[in-house]
Amino acid sequence: MDIFSDTICALGEGPLWHPNRKQLFWFDIIGKKLLTRTKAGEQVWSFDDHVSAAGWVDDRQLLIASERELFTFDVDKGTRTHVAPLDADNPVTRSNDGRADPQGGFWIGTMGKGHEPRAGAIYRYYRGEVRKLVDEVTVSNAICFSPDGAHAYYTDTVRQRLMRTELDADGWPTGDAKVFIDLREDGLFPDGAVVDSTGHLWNAQWGASRVACYAPDGTFVRAVTVPATQSSCPCFGGHDLATLYVTTAAVDLDSATDPKAGMTFVQKMDIKGQAEHRVIL
């Protein structure tokens, strides 16, 4: 993969390709920053609290998840507006992985700031309501959706299993989630994920320097090597949605042995992703 940004993120996460602006946004959760890059160069916004994931609302506004709320952020004006509380009374947790679903909802996972066991959860924001979907999560990750909107995927990284759940017409889970991919025998830890236009799931695997592709039936297809150990989250973008972007993390690594840790990478692919779905407020 080529380097898209050589800015070192302690915990790069949440890459989002805005389909209207044709622009990549991503986060440094530990650094409490939102980043983007255009032809004019790189731009960084700093916050007082941890920010981790976003969905797009319109041409200017993102819905951003922080450690205590969901808020809209106007990327042209640099202003924020409160939308809904998120674990606002729990000082232990912060937001982590999240993504908009095809029905216009926004799923967001939380986790303990110190990786406290089962301190987090997965929530869904939909038309003004925040509802808890999954409880007792240690490290929420891999939130993504099938192209037809019939299934959602997620993981608790420490459990090493990617889960799949069926969704109703409004995007709410129906029934119990089932194991989609079990990575325990391979010793792999699933981090962020995205589903391409053909229904294949692409999963960044923490500590494994790769993004692995799985068919809709869970079969391993191939892997893209990432030139940093801690790959954290992929997304598809570019004008034809055939470019793969991957964030990574530098936290707990020695820059002498992993000099590209924390950079954001890019690679042209032979398949296309889905356009990121719009969040309906």
C-alpha atoms as a PDB file:
ATOM      1  CA  MET A   1       0.000   0.000   0.000  1.00  0.00           C
ATOM      2  CA  ASP A   2       1.062   3.595  -0.582  1.00  0.00           C
ATOM      3  CA  ILE A   3       1.102   6.271   2.104  1.00  0.00           C
ATOM      4  CA  PHE A   4      -1.950   8.535   1.938  1.00  0.00           C
ATOM      5  CA  SER A   5      -0.970  10.569   5.014  1.00  0.00           C
ATOM      6  CA  ASP A   6       2.317  10.343   6.894  1.00  0.00           C
ATOM      7  CA  THR A   7       0.785  12.044   9.946  1.00  0.00           C
ATOM      8  CA  ILE A   8       1.304   9.682  12.880  1.00  0.00           C
ATOM      9  CA  CYS A   9      -1.943   8.905  14.712  1.00  0.00           C
ATOM     10  CA  ALA A  10      -1.676   7.333  18.142  1.00  0.00           C
ATOM     11  CA  LEU A  11      -4.928   5.531  17.325  1.00  0.00           C
ATOM     12  CA  GLY A  12      -6.041   6.161  13.762  1.00  0.00           C
ATOM     13  CA  GLU A  13      -9.663   5.103  13.271  1.00  0.00           C
ATOM     14  CA  GLY A  14     -12.993   5.756  11.604  1.00  0.00           C
ATOM     15  CA  PRO A  15     -12.038   6.524   7.982  1.00  0.00           C
ATOM     16  CA  LEU A  16     -15.026   7.960   6.104  1.00  0.00           C
ATOM     17  CA  TRP A  17     -15.155   8.789   2.392  1.00  0.00           C
ATOM     18  CA  HIS A  18     -17.717  11.548   1.932  1.00  0.00           C
ATOM     19  CA  PRO A  19     -19.428  10.611  -1.360  1.00  0.00           C
ATOM     20  CA  ASN A  20     -20.486  14.173  -2.200  1.00  0.00           C
ATOM     21  CA  ARG A  21     -17.357  16.037  -1.153  1.00  0.00           C
ATOM     22  CA  LYS A  22     -15.094  13.298  -2.576  1.00  0.00           C
ATOM     23  CA  GLN A  23     -13.005  13.668   0.550  1.00  0.00           C
ATOM     24  CA  LEU A  24     -11.573  11.334   3.193  1.00  0.00           C
ATOM     25  CA  PHE A  25     -12.014  12.070   6.892  1.00  0.00           C
ATOM     26  CA  TRP A  26     -10.440  10.031   9.696  1.00  0.00           C
ATOM     27  CA  PHE A  27      -9.740  10.269  13.420  1.00  0.00           C
ATOM     28  CA  ASP A  28      -6.957   9.993  15.944  1.00  0.00           C
ATOM     29  CA  ILE A  29      -9.008   8.839  18.936  1.00  0.00           C
ATOM     30  CA  ILE A  30      -6.280   9.189  21.542  1.00  0.00           C
ATOM     31  CA  GLY A  31      -5.135  12.463  19.989  1.00  0.00           C
ATOM     32  CA  LYS A  32      -8.745  13.754  20.086  1.00  0.00           C
ATOM     33  CA  LYS A  33      -8.532  14.870  16.463  1.00  0.00           C
ATOM     34  CA  LEU A  34     -10.484  14.769  13.211  1.00  0.00           C
ATOM     35  CA  LEU A  35      -8.311  14.869  10.093  1.00  0.00           C
ATOM     36  CA  THR A  36      -8.885  15.330   6.382  1.00  0.00           C
ATOM     37  CA  ARG A  37      -6.822  15.889   3.276  1.00  0.00           C
ATOM     38  CA  THR A  38      -7.652  17.746   0.070  1.00  0.00           C
ATOM     39  CA  LYS A  39      -5.630  19.203  -2.789  1.00  0.00           C
ATOM     40  CA  ALA A  40      -4.979  22.181  -0.510  1.00  0.00           C
ATOM     41  CA  GLY A  41      -3.265  19.914   2.019  1.00  0.00           C
ATOM     42  CA  GLU A  42      -4.071  18.301   5.324  1.00  0.00           C
ATOM     43  CA  GLN A  43      -6.439  19.849   7.859  1.00  0.00           C
ATOM     44  CA  VAL A  44      -6.832  18.916  11.524  1.00  0.00           C
ATOM     45  CA  TRP A  45      -9.535  19.797  14.040  1.00  0.00           C
ATOM     46  CA  SER A  46      -8.797  19.258  17.743  1.00  0.00           C
ATOM     47  CA  PHE A  47     -11.421  18.488  20.398  1.00  0.00           C
ATOM     48  CA  ASP A  48     -11.532  18.415  24.182  1.00  0.00           C
ATOM     49  CA  ASP A  49     -12.869  14.860  24.278  1.00  0.00           C
ATOM     50  CA  HIS A  50     -12.218  11.641  22.390  1.00  0.00           C
ATOM     51  CA  VAL A  51     -13.807  11.472  18.928  1.00  0.00           C
ATOM     52  CA  SER A  52     -13.830   8.255  16.953  1.00  0.00           C
ATOM     53  CA  ALA A  53     -16.313   7.795  14.104  1.00  0.00           C
ATOM     54  CA  ALA A  54     -18.650   9.700  11.825  1.00  0.00           C
ATOM     55  CA  GLY A  55     -21.394   9.519   9.242  1.00  0.00           C
ATOM     56  CA  TRP A  56     -22.283  12.189   6.717  1.00  0.00           C
ATOM     57  CA  VAL A  57     -25.504  14.211   7.055  1.00  0.00           C
ATOM     58  CA  ASP A  58     -25.197  16.600   4.111  1.00  0.00           C
ATOM     59  CA  ASP A  59     -22.508  18.358   2.098  1.00  0.00           C
ATOM     60  CA  ARG A  60     -21.141  20.185   5.156  1.00  0.00           C
ATOM     61  CA  GLN A  61     -22.228  18.283   8.263  1.00  0.00           C
ATOM     62  CA  LEU A  62     -20.875  15.102   9.789  1.00  0.00           C
ATOM     63  CA  LEU A  63     -22.521  13.251  12.669  1.00  0.00           C
ATOM     64  CA  ILE A  64     -19.597  12.571  15.020  1.00  0.00           C
ATOM     65  CA  ALA A  65     -19.435  10.258  18.032  1.00  0.00           C
ATOM     66  CA  SER A  66     -17.447  11.483  21.018  1.00  0.00           C
ATOM     67  CA  GLU A  67     -16.962   9.927  24.436  1.00  0.00           C
ATOM     68  CA  ARG A  68     -20.204  11.437  25.773  1.00  0.00           C
ATOM     69  CA  GLU A  69     -22.410  12.543  22.882  1.00  0.00           C
ATOM     70  CA  LEU A  70     -23.361  12.492  19.237  1.00  0.00           C
ATOM     71  CA  PHE A  71     -23.006  15.893  17.609  1.00  0.00           C
ATOM     72  CA  THR A  72     -23.085  17.397  14.155  1.00  0.00           C
ATOM     73  CA  PHE A  73     -19.937  19.121  12.982  1.00  0.00           C
ATOM     74  CA  ASP A  74     -19.883  21.671  10.173  1.00  0.00           C
ATOM     75  CA  VAL A  75     -16.562  21.055   8.439  1.00  0.00           C
ATOM     76  CA  ASP A  76     -16.705  24.384   6.617  1.00  0.00           C
ATOM     77  CA  LYS A  77     -17.433  26.504   9.689  1.00  0.00           C
ATOM     78  CA  GLY A  78     -15.784  24.304  12.339  1.00  0.00           C
ATOM     79  CA  THR A  79     -18.875  24.424  14.575  1.00  0.00           C
ATOM     80  CA  ARG A  80     -20.614  21.628  16.495  1.00  0.00           C
ATOM     81  CA  THR A  81     -24.213  21.086  17.622  1.00  0.00           C
ATOM     82  CA  HIS A  82     -25.373  18.546  20.212  1.00  0.00           C
ATOM     83  CA  VAL A  83     -27.652  15.803  18.852  1.00  0.00           C
ATOM     84  CA  ALA A  84     -27.949  13.142  21.568  1.00  0.00           C
ATOM     85  CA  PRO A  85     -26.143  11.912  24.692  1.00  0.00           C
ATOM     86  CA  LEU A  86     -23.973   8.794  24.449  1.00  0.00           C
ATOM     87  CA  ASP A  87     -23.018   7.141  27.747  1.00  0.00           C
ATOM     88  CA  ALA A  88     -22.977  10.703  29.081  1.00  0.00           C
ATOM     89  CA  ASP A  89     -23.073   9.641  32.738  1.00  0.00           C
ATOM     90  CA  ASN A  90     -20.384   6.962  32.411  1.00  0.00           C
ATOM     91  CA  PRO A  91     -16.860   8.398  32.847  1.00  0.00           C
ATOM     92  CA  VAL A  92     -15.282   4.989  32.186  1.00  0.00           C
ATOM     93  CA  THR A  93     -16.202   4.712  28.501  1.00  0.00           C
ATOM     94  CA  ARG A  94     -15.568   6.430  25.183  1.00  0.00           C
ATOM     95  CA  SER A  95     -16.864   5.833  21.678  1.00  0.00           C
ATOM     96  CA  ASN A  96     -14.912   3.610  19.305  1.00  0.00           C
ATOM     97  CA  ASP A  97     -16.032   2.068  16.007  1.00  0.00           C
ATOM     98  CA  GLY A  98     -19.127   3.242  14.099  1.00  0.00           C
ATOM     99  CA  ARG A  99     -20.789   3.499  10.699  1.00  0.00           C
ATOM    100  CA  ALA A 100     -24.066   4.592   9.074  1.00  0.00           C
ATOM    101  CA  ASP A 101     -26.450   1.856   7.943  1.00  0.00           C
ATOM    102  CA  PRO A 102     -28.396   1.716   4.627  1.00  0.00           C
ATOM    103  CA  GLN A 103     -31.624   2.751   6.388  1.00  0.00           C
ATOM    104  CA  GLY A 104     -30.125   6.057   7.566  1.00  0.00           C
ATOM    105  CA  GLY A 105     -29.281   5.039  11.121  1.00  0.00           C
ATOM    106  CA  PHE A 106     -25.882   5.347  12.788  1.00  0.00           C
ATOM    107  CA  TRP A 107     -24.369   2.496  14.811  1.00  0.00           C
ATOM    108  CA  ILE A 108     -21.686   3.324  17.360  1.00  0.00           C
ATOM    109  CA  GLY A 109     -19.793   1.173  19.816  1.00  0.00           C
ATOM    110  CA  THR A 110     -18.299   2.219  23.131  1.00  0.00           C
ATOM    111  CA  MET A 111     -15.517   0.718  25.235  1.00  0.00           C
ATOM    112  CA  GLY A 112     -13.651   1.364  28.452  1.00  0.00           C
ATOM    113  CA  LYS A 113     -10.878   3.928  28.161  1.00  0.00           C
ATOM    114  CA  GLY A 114      -8.632   1.434  29.929  1.00  0.00           C
ATOM    115  CA  HIS A 115     -10.074  -1.600  28.112  1.00  0.00           C
ATOM    116  CA  GLU A 116     -12.174  -2.446  31.155  1.00  0.00           C
ATOM    117  CA  PRO A 117     -13.830  -5.847  30.527  1.00  0.00           C
ATOM    118  CA  ARG A 118     -17.441  -5.642  29.258  1.00  0.00           C
ATOM    119  CA  ALA A 119     -17.684  -1.906  30.041  1.00  0.00           C
ATOM    120  CA  GLY A 120     -18.906  -0.928  26.572  1.00  0.00           C
ATOM    121  CA  ALA A 121     -21.911  -1.474  24.341  1.00  0.00           C
ATOM    122  CA  ILE A 122     -23.160  -0.972  20.806  1.00  0.00           C
ATOM    123  CA  TYR A 123     -25.881   1.610  20.165  1.00  0.00           C
ATOM    124  CA  ARG A 124     -27.940   2.746  17.204  1.00  0.00           C
ATOM    125  CA  TYR A 125     -29.096   6.293  16.570  1.00  0.00           C
ATOM    126  CA  TYR A 126     -32.147   6.439  14.309  1.00  0.00           C
ATOM    127  CA  ARG A 127     -34.329   9.479  13.691  1.00  0.00           C
ATOM    128  CA  GLY A 128     -33.739  11.019  17.104  1.00  0.00           C
ATOM    129  CA  GLU A 129     -33.621   7.824  19.185  1.00  0.00           C
ATOM    130  CA  VAL A 130     -30.536   6.185  20.698  1.00  0.00           C
ATOM    131  CA  ARG A 131     -31.127   2.530  21.549  1.00  0.00           C
ATOM    132  CA  LYS A 132     -28.695   0.015  23.073  1.00  0.00           C
ATOM    133  CA  LEU A 133     -28.353  -3.061  20.860  1.00  0.00           C
ATOM    134  CA  VAL A 134     -25.495  -5.073  22.388  1.00  0.00           C
ATOM    135  CA  ASP A 135     -24.371  -4.958  26.023  1.00  0.00           C
ATOM    136  CA  GLU A 136     -21.192  -5.994  27.871  1.00  0.00           C
ATOM    137  CA  VAL A 137     -18.739  -5.278  25.045  1.00  0.00           C
ATOM    138  CA  THR A 138     -15.041  -4.880  25.808  1.00  0.00           C
ATOM    139  CA  VAL A 139     -13.736  -3.499  22.472  1.00  0.00           C
ATOM    140  CA  SER A 140     -16.475  -2.652  19.962  1.00  0.00           C
ATOM    141  CA  ASN A 141     -15.435  -2.918  16.321  1.00  0.00           C
ATOM    142  CA  ALA A 142     -16.223  -4.042  12.749  1.00  0.00           C
ATOM    143  CA  ILE A 143     -19.611  -2.312  12.467  1.00  0.00           C
ATOM    144  CA  CYS A 144     -20.673  -2.596   8.805  1.00  0.00           C
ATOM    145  CA  PHE A 145     -23.620  -3.613   6.649  1.00  0.00           C
ATOM    146  CA  SER A 146     -24.559  -5.765   3.671  1.00  0.00           C
ATOM    147  CA  PRO A 147     -25.409  -3.809   0.504  1.00  0.00           C
ATOM    148  CA  ASP A 148     -29.083  -4.797   0.668  1.00  0.00           C
ATOM    149  CA  GLY A 149     -29.406  -3.607   4.276  1.00  0.00           C
ATOM    150  CA  ALA A 150     -30.529  -7.048   5.445  1.00  0.00           C
ATOM    151  CA  HIS A 151     -27.571  -7.759   7.746  1.00  0.00           C
ATOM    152  CA  ALA A 152     -25.287  -5.927  10.156  1.00  0.00           C
ATOM    153  CA  TYR A 153     -21.866  -7.113  11.288  1.00  0.00           C
ATOM    154  CA  TYR A 154     -19.904  -6.287  14.424  1.00  0.00           C
ATOM    155  CA  THR A 155     -17.354  -7.727  16.831  1.00  0.00           C
ATOM    156  CA  ASP A 156     -16.016  -7.559  20.333  1.00  0.00           C
ATOM    157  CA  THR A 157     -12.344  -7.720  19.358  1.00  0.00           C
ATOM    158  CA  VAL A 158     -11.193  -9.606  22.442  1.00  0.00           C
ATOM    159  CA  ARG A 159     -13.649 -12.418  21.684  1.00  0.00           C
ATOM    160  CA  GLN A 160     -12.138 -12.866  18.184  1.00  0.00           C
ATOM    161  CA  ARG A 161     -15.460 -13.529  16.465  1.00  0.00           C
ATOM    162  CA  LEU A 162     -17.251 -11.471  13.846  1.00  0.00           C
ATOM    163  CA  MET A 163     -21.008 -11.533  14.400  1.00  0.00           C
ATOM    164  CA  ARG A 164     -23.878 -11.123  11.936  1.00  0.00           C
ATOM    165  CA  THR A 165     -27.443 -10.140  12.729  1.00  0.00           C
ATOM    166  CA  GLU A 166     -30.539  -9.792  10.541  1.00  0.00           C
ATOM    167  CA  LEU A 167     -32.208  -6.380  10.224  1.00  0.00           C
ATOM    168  CA  ASP A 168     -35.811  -5.373   9.636  1.00  0.00           C
ATOM    169  CA  ALA A 169     -36.977  -2.796   7.090  1.00  0.00           C
ATOM    170  CA  ASP A 170     -36.130   0.060   9.472  1.00  0.00           C
ATOM    171  CA  GLY A 171     -32.652  -1.306  10.217  1.00  0.00           C
ATOM    172  CA  TRP A 172     -33.321  -2.714  13.700  1.00  0.00           C
ATOM    173  CA  PRO A 173     -31.892  -6.151  14.597  1.00  0.00           C
ATOM    174  CA  THR A 174     -34.279  -9.094  14.629  1.00  0.00           C
ATOM    175  CA  GLY A 175     -33.404 -12.169  16.663  1.00  0.00           C
ATOM    176  CA  ASP A 176     -30.033 -13.141  18.051  1.00  0.00           C
ATOM    177  CA  ALA A 177     -26.717 -12.462  16.338  1.00  0.00           C
ATOM    178  CA  LYS A 178     -24.851 -15.485  14.992  1.00  0.00           C
ATOM    179  CA  VAL A 179     -21.124 -16.109  14.549  1.00  0.00           C
ATOM    180  CA  PHE A 180     -20.100 -15.170  11.006  1.00  0.00           C
ATOM    181  CA  ILE A 181     -16.327 -15.740  11.250  1.00  0.00           C
ATOM    182  CA  ASP A 182     -14.426 -17.320  14.151  1.00  0.00           C
ATOM    183  CA  LEU A 183     -10.788 -16.174  14.204  1.00  0.00           C
ATOM    184  CA  ARG A 184      -9.711 -17.816  17.447  1.00  0.00           C
ATOM    185  CA  GLU A 185      -7.886 -20.739  15.829  1.00  0.00           C
ATOM    186  CA  ASP A 186      -5.966 -18.311  13.604  1.00  0.00           C
ATOM    187  CA  GLY A 187      -5.015 -16.143  16.572  1.00  0.00           C
ATOM    188  CA  LEU A 188      -6.404 -13.039  14.833  1.00  0.00           C
ATOM    189  CA  PHE A 189      -8.112 -10.029  16.409  1.00  0.00           C
ATOM    190  CA  PRO A 190     -10.781  -8.332  14.262  1.00  0.00           C
ATOM    191  CA  ASP A 191     -10.771  -4.549  14.272  1.00  0.00           C
ATOM    192  CA  GLY A 192     -12.680  -2.198  11.922  1.00  0.00           C
ATOM    193  CA  ALA A 193     -14.454  -3.545   8.850  1.00  0.00           C
ATOM    194  CA  VAL A 194     -16.372  -2.507   5.754  1.00  0.00           C
ATOM    195  CA  VAL A 195     -18.504  -4.400   3.204  1.00  0.00           C
ATOM    196  CA  ASP A 196     -17.910  -3.845  -0.518  1.00  0.00           C
ATOM    197  CA  SER A 197     -20.537  -3.599  -3.261  1.00  0.00           C
ATOM    198  CA  THR A 198     -20.533  -7.388  -3.800  1.00  0.00           C
ATOM    199  CA  GLY A 199     -21.169  -8.221  -0.146  1.00  0.00           C
ATOM    200  CA  HIS A 200     -17.575  -9.188   0.706  1.00  0.00           C
ATOM    201  CA  LEU A 201     -16.416  -8.062   4.146  1.00  0.00           C
ATOM    202  CA  TRP A 202     -12.979  -6.443   4.541  1.00  0.00           C
ATOM    203  CA  ASN A 203     -11.615  -6.645   8.090  1.00  0.00           C
ATOM    204  CA  ALA A 204      -8.545  -4.892   9.512  1.00  0.00           C
ATOM    205  CA  GLN A 205      -6.836  -7.306  11.896  1.00  0.00           C
ATOM    206  CA  TRP A 206      -5.044  -5.733  14.834  1.00  0.00           C
ATOM    207  CA  GLY A 207      -1.399  -6.706  15.105  1.00  0.00           C
ATOM    208  CA  ALA A 208      -1.423  -8.681  11.846  1.00  0.00           C
ATOM    209  CA  SER A 209      -0.442  -5.961   9.314  1.00  0.00           C
ATOM    210  CA  ARG A 210      -3.344  -6.757   7.035  1.00  0.00           C
ATOM    211  CA  VAL A 211      -6.905  -6.293   5.883  1.00  0.00           C
ATOM    212  CA  ALA A 212      -8.565  -9.634   5.163  1.00  0.00           C
ATOM    213  CA  CYS A 213     -11.432 -10.195   2.725  1.00  0.00           C
ATOM    214  CA  TYR A 214     -14.219 -12.705   3.405  1.00  0.00           C
ATOM    215  CA  ALA A 215     -16.984 -13.851   1.065  1.00  0.00           C
ATOM    216  CA  PRO A 216     -20.664 -13.470   2.042  1.00  0.00           C
ATOM    217  CA  ASP A 217     -20.580 -17.050   3.369  1.00  0.00           C
ATOM    218  CA  GLY A 218     -17.602 -16.261   5.623  1.00  0.00           C
ATOM    219  CA  THR A 219     -14.956 -17.965   3.480  1.00  0.00           C
ATOM    220  CA  PHE A 220     -11.520 -16.309   3.460  1.00  0.00           C
ATOM    221  CA  VAL A 221     -10.737 -14.893  -0.003  1.00  0.00           C
ATOM    222  CA  ARG A 222      -7.519 -12.873   0.223  1.00  0.00           C
ATOM    223  CA  ALA A 223      -5.657 -10.297   2.277  1.00  0.00           C
ATOM    224  CA  VAL A 224      -4.050  -6.928   1.582  1.00  0.00           C
ATOM    225  CA  THR A 225      -0.780  -6.340   3.413  1.00  0.00           C
ATOM    226  CA  VAL A 226      -0.617  -3.095   5.405  1.00  0.00           C
ATOM    227  CA  PRO A 227       2.885  -1.626   6.020  1.00  0.00           C
ATOM    228  CA  ALA A 228       2.201  -1.071   9.721  1.00  0.00           C
ATOM    229  CA  THR A 229       1.518  -3.634  12.414  1.00  0.00           C
ATOM    230  CA  GLN A 230      -1.674  -2.270  13.942  1.00  0.00           C
ATOM    231  CA  SER A 231      -4.148  -1.899  11.061  1.00  0.00           C
ATOM    232  CA  SER A 232      -7.338  -0.492  12.562  1.00  0.00           C
ATOM    233  CA  CYS A 233     -10.054   0.252   9.987  1.00  0.00           C
ATOM    234  CA  PRO A 234     -10.609   0.180   6.204  1.00  0.00           C
ATOM    235  CA  CYS A 235     -12.972   2.114   3.968  1.00  0.00           C
ATOM    236  CA  PHE A 236     -13.593   2.381   0.237  1.00  0.00           C
ATOM    237  CA  GLY A 237     -13.480   5.723  -1.531  1.00  0.00           C
ATOM    238  CA  GLY A 238     -12.121   7.574  -4.512  1.00  0.00           C
ATOM    239  CA  HIS A 239     -14.190   8.875  -7.404  1.00  0.00           C
ATOM    240  CA  ASP A 240     -15.052   5.333  -8.508  1.00  0.00           C
ATOM    241  CA  LEU A 241     -15.171   3.814  -4.973  1.00  0.00           C
ATOM    242  CA  ALA A 242     -12.375   1.431  -5.996  1.00  0.00           C
ATOM    243  CA  THR A 243      -9.724   2.799  -3.635  1.00  0.00           C
ATOM    244  CA  LEU A 244      -9.073   1.175  -0.264  1.00  0.00           C
ATOM    245  CA  TYR A 245      -7.975   3.418   2.614  1.00  0.00           C
ATOM    246  CA  VAL A 246      -6.678   1.963   5.889  1.00  0.00           C
ATOM    247  CA  THR A 247      -5.942   3.682   9.187  1.00  0.00           C
ATOM    248  CA  THR A 248      -3.359   2.353  11.628  1.00  0.00           C
ATOM    249  CA  ALA A 249      -2.201   3.008  15.180  1.00  0.00           C
ATOM    250  CA  ALA A 250       1.148   3.841  16.750  1.00  0.00           C
ATOM    251  CA  VAL A 251       0.123   3.331  20.375  1.00  0.00           C
ATOM    252  CA  ASP A 252       2.417   0.959  22.337  1.00  0.00           C
ATOM    253  CA  LEU A 253       4.796   0.529  19.371  1.00  0.00           C
ATOM    254  CA  ASP A 254       8.452   1.489  18.908  1.00  0.00           C
ATOM    255  CA  SER A 255       8.867   3.865  15.978  1.00  0.00           C
ATOM    256  CA  ALA A 256      12.328   2.426  15.341  1.00  0.00           C
ATOM    257  CA  THR A 257      10.934  -1.017  14.554  1.00  0.00           C
ATOM    258  CA  ASP A 258       7.562   0.076  13.103  1.00  0.00           C
ATOM    259  CA  PRO A 259       8.303   3.481  11.504  1.00  0.00           C
ATOM    260  CA  LYS A 260       5.037   3.718   9.549  1.00  0.00           C
ATOM    261  CA  ALA A 261       2.807   2.894  12.512  1.00  0.00           C
ATOM    262  CA  GLY A 262       0.000   5.415  12.810  1.00  0.00           C
ATOM    263  CA  MET A 263       0.076   6.494   9.156  1.00  0.00           C
ATOM    264  CA  THR A 264      -2.914   6.195   6.812  1.00  0.00           C
ATOM    265  CA  PHE A 265      -2.519   4.070   3.683  1.00  0.00           C
ATOM    266  CA  VAL A 266      -4.152   3.756   0.274  1.00  0.00           C
ATOM    267  CA  GLN A 267      -4.332   1.196  -2.532  1.00  0.00           C
ATOM    268  CA  LYS A 268      -6.229   0.993  -5.811  1.00  0.00           C
ATOM    269  CA  MET A 269      -8.402  -2.127  -5.927  1.00  0.00           C
ATOM    270  CA  ASP A 270     -10.077  -4.312  -8.546  1.00  0.00           C
ATOM    271  CA  ILE A 271     -13.463  -4.126  -6.808  1.00  0.00           C
ATOM    272  CA  LYS A 272     -15.703  -1.292  -5.664  1.00  0.00           C
ATOM    273  CA  GLY A 273     -17.058  -0.428  -2.269  1.00  0.00           C
ATOM    274  CA  GLN A 274     -20.451   0.885  -1.279  1.00  0.00           C
ATOM    275  CA  ALA A 275     -20.980   4.610  -1.092  1.00  0.00           C
ATOM    276  CA  GLU A 276     -21.168   5.530   2.588  1.00  0.00           C
ATOM    277  CA  HIS A 277     -24.794   5.897   3.611  1.00  0.00           C
ATOM    278  CA  ARG A 278     -26.299   9.204   4.694  1.00  0.00           C
ATOM    279  CA  VAL A 279     -27.391   9.615   8.308  1.00  0.00           C
ATOM    280  CA  ILE A 280     -30.974  10.827   8.675  1.00  0.00           C
ATOM    281  CA  LEU A 281     -31.261  13.098  11.698  1.00  0.00           C
END
